[in-house]
Amino acid sequence: MRTRLDETTIQKMHDYEASDLSPRQKMALRLADKLAFEHTTVDSPFVARLREHFSEDELVDLGMSIAFLLGWGRFIEAFGVLPDAWQDEGPMPWEPRGEA
């Protein structure tokens, strides 16, 4: 089942390990972090932990989605592309919001 991300969930992702996100969500975010920052540490024990939460098809979909988004991010940074929706001044979508 797919659900929409709400602002509360997005903010939890900034410190997902300490959040109340589900173990499955945390594993997906761990994979994203590893692929983004330390892809050579994706070893057999880590893959075994992933398989506790995801089927083979889900792992392929998740990995390809993460890889696409990482590549897209590098492309827009390299070419200075900023989506129109982000042209206005204000916080960027990836910045944590301050406490209200």
Protein backbone atom coordinates (compact mmCIF):
# COMPACT_ATOMS: atom_id res chain seq x y z
CA MET A 1 0.00 0.00 0.00
CA ARG A 2 1.35 3.40 -0.92
CA THR A 3 0.75 6.41 1.24
CA ARG A 4 1.51 10.04 0.68
CA LEU A 5 4.32 11.68 2.58
CA ASP A 6 3.15 14.38 4.92
CA GLU A 7 5.30 17.13 6.42
CA THR A 8 5.52 15.33 9.77
CA THR A 9 6.98 12.21 8.16
CA ILE A 10 9.40 14.25 6.07
CA GLN A 11 10.70 16.00 9.19
CA LYS A 12 11.18 12.63 10.94
CA MET A 13 13.48 11.60 8.10
CA HIS A 14 16.10 14.17 9.19
CA ASP A 15 16.84 11.98 12.25
CA TYR A 16 15.15 8.77 11.22
CA GLU A 17 17.11 6.49 13.56
CA ALA A 18 15.67 8.30 16.60
CA SER A 19 12.20 8.62 15.07
CA ASP A 20 9.11 6.45 15.37
CA LEU A 21 9.25 5.46 11.70
CA SER A 22 8.70 1.76 11.10
CA PRO A 23 11.67 -0.64 10.97
CA ARG A 24 10.97 -1.11 7.24
CA GLN A 25 11.07 2.64 6.60
CA LYS A 26 14.30 2.95 8.58
CA MET A 27 15.91 0.14 6.55
CA ALA A 28 14.94 1.90 3.31
CA LEU A 29 16.51 5.12 4.60
CA ARG A 30 19.65 3.26 5.73
CA LEU A 31 19.99 1.88 2.21
CA ALA A 32 19.57 5.37 0.74
CA ASP A 33 22.25 6.72 3.09
CA LYS A 34 24.63 3.89 2.26
CA LEU A 35 24.15 4.28 -1.49
CA ALA A 36 24.62 8.04 -1.22
CA PHE A 37 27.59 8.18 1.13
CA GLU A 38 29.25 4.78 1.55
CA HIS A 39 28.08 2.39 -1.16
CA THR A 40 31.09 0.11 -0.67
CA THR A 41 29.75 -0.83 2.78
CA VAL A 42 26.68 -2.56 1.36
CA ASP A 43 27.83 -6.02 2.38
CA SER A 44 26.20 -9.43 2.81
CA PRO A 45 25.05 -8.85 6.41
CA PHE A 46 23.42 -5.55 5.42
CA VAL A 47 21.70 -7.15 2.42
CA ALA A 48 20.45 -9.94 4.70
CA ARG A 49 18.91 -7.31 6.98
CA LEU A 50 17.29 -5.66 3.96
CA ARG A 51 15.80 -9.01 2.93
CA GLU A 52 14.07 -9.24 6.32
CA HIS A 53 11.95 -6.25 5.23
CA PHE A 54 11.82 -6.37 1.43
CA SER A 55 11.25 -8.98 -1.27
CA GLU A 56 13.76 -9.30 -4.11
CA ASP A 57 11.47 -7.32 -6.42
CA GLU A 58 11.02 -4.61 -3.80
CA LEU A 59 14.79 -4.38 -3.30
CA VAL A 60 15.34 -3.93 -7.02
CA ASP A 61 12.64 -1.23 -7.19
CA LEU A 62 13.94 0.51 -4.08
CA GLY A 63 17.58 0.38 -5.17
CA MET A 64 16.82 1.61 -8.68
CA SER A 65 14.64 4.44 -7.33
CA ILE A 66 17.34 5.55 -4.93
CA ALA A 67 20.02 5.33 -7.64
CA PHE A 68 17.88 7.37 -10.05
CA LEU A 69 17.23 10.10 -7.48
CA LEU A 70 20.89 10.26 -6.48
CA GLY A 71 21.91 10.55 -10.13
CA TRP A 72 19.25 13.17 -10.79
CA GLY A 73 20.51 15.16 -7.80
CA ARG A 74 24.08 15.06 -9.08
CA PHE A 75 22.95 16.09 -12.55
CA ILE A 76 20.98 19.13 -11.39
CA GLU A 77 23.86 20.20 -9.14
CA ALA A 78 26.42 19.79 -11.92
CA PHE A 79 24.36 21.82 -14.39
CA GLY A 80 22.91 24.32 -11.91
CA VAL A 81 19.33 23.28 -12.66
CA LEU A 82 16.85 24.47 -10.06
CA PRO A 83 13.23 23.36 -10.48
CA ASP A 84 10.78 26.25 -10.94
CA ALA A 85 8.98 25.33 -7.72
CA TRP A 86 12.20 26.01 -5.77
CA GLN A 87 12.93 29.40 -7.33
CA ASP A 88 11.07 31.37 -4.66
CA GLU A 89 12.97 32.45 -1.60
CA GLY A 90 12.48 30.42 1.53
CA PRO A 91 13.68 27.14 2.93
CA MET A 92 14.58 24.43 0.49
CA PRO A 93 12.51 21.22 0.81
CA TRP A 94 15.45 19.28 2.25
CA GLU A 95 16.15 21.72 5.09
CA PRO A 96 14.73 20.84 8.51
CA ARG A 97 12.13 23.25 9.74
CA GLY A 98 12.80 25.12 12.95
CA GLU A 99 10.73 24.52 16.04
CA ALA A 100 7.56 26.57 16.02
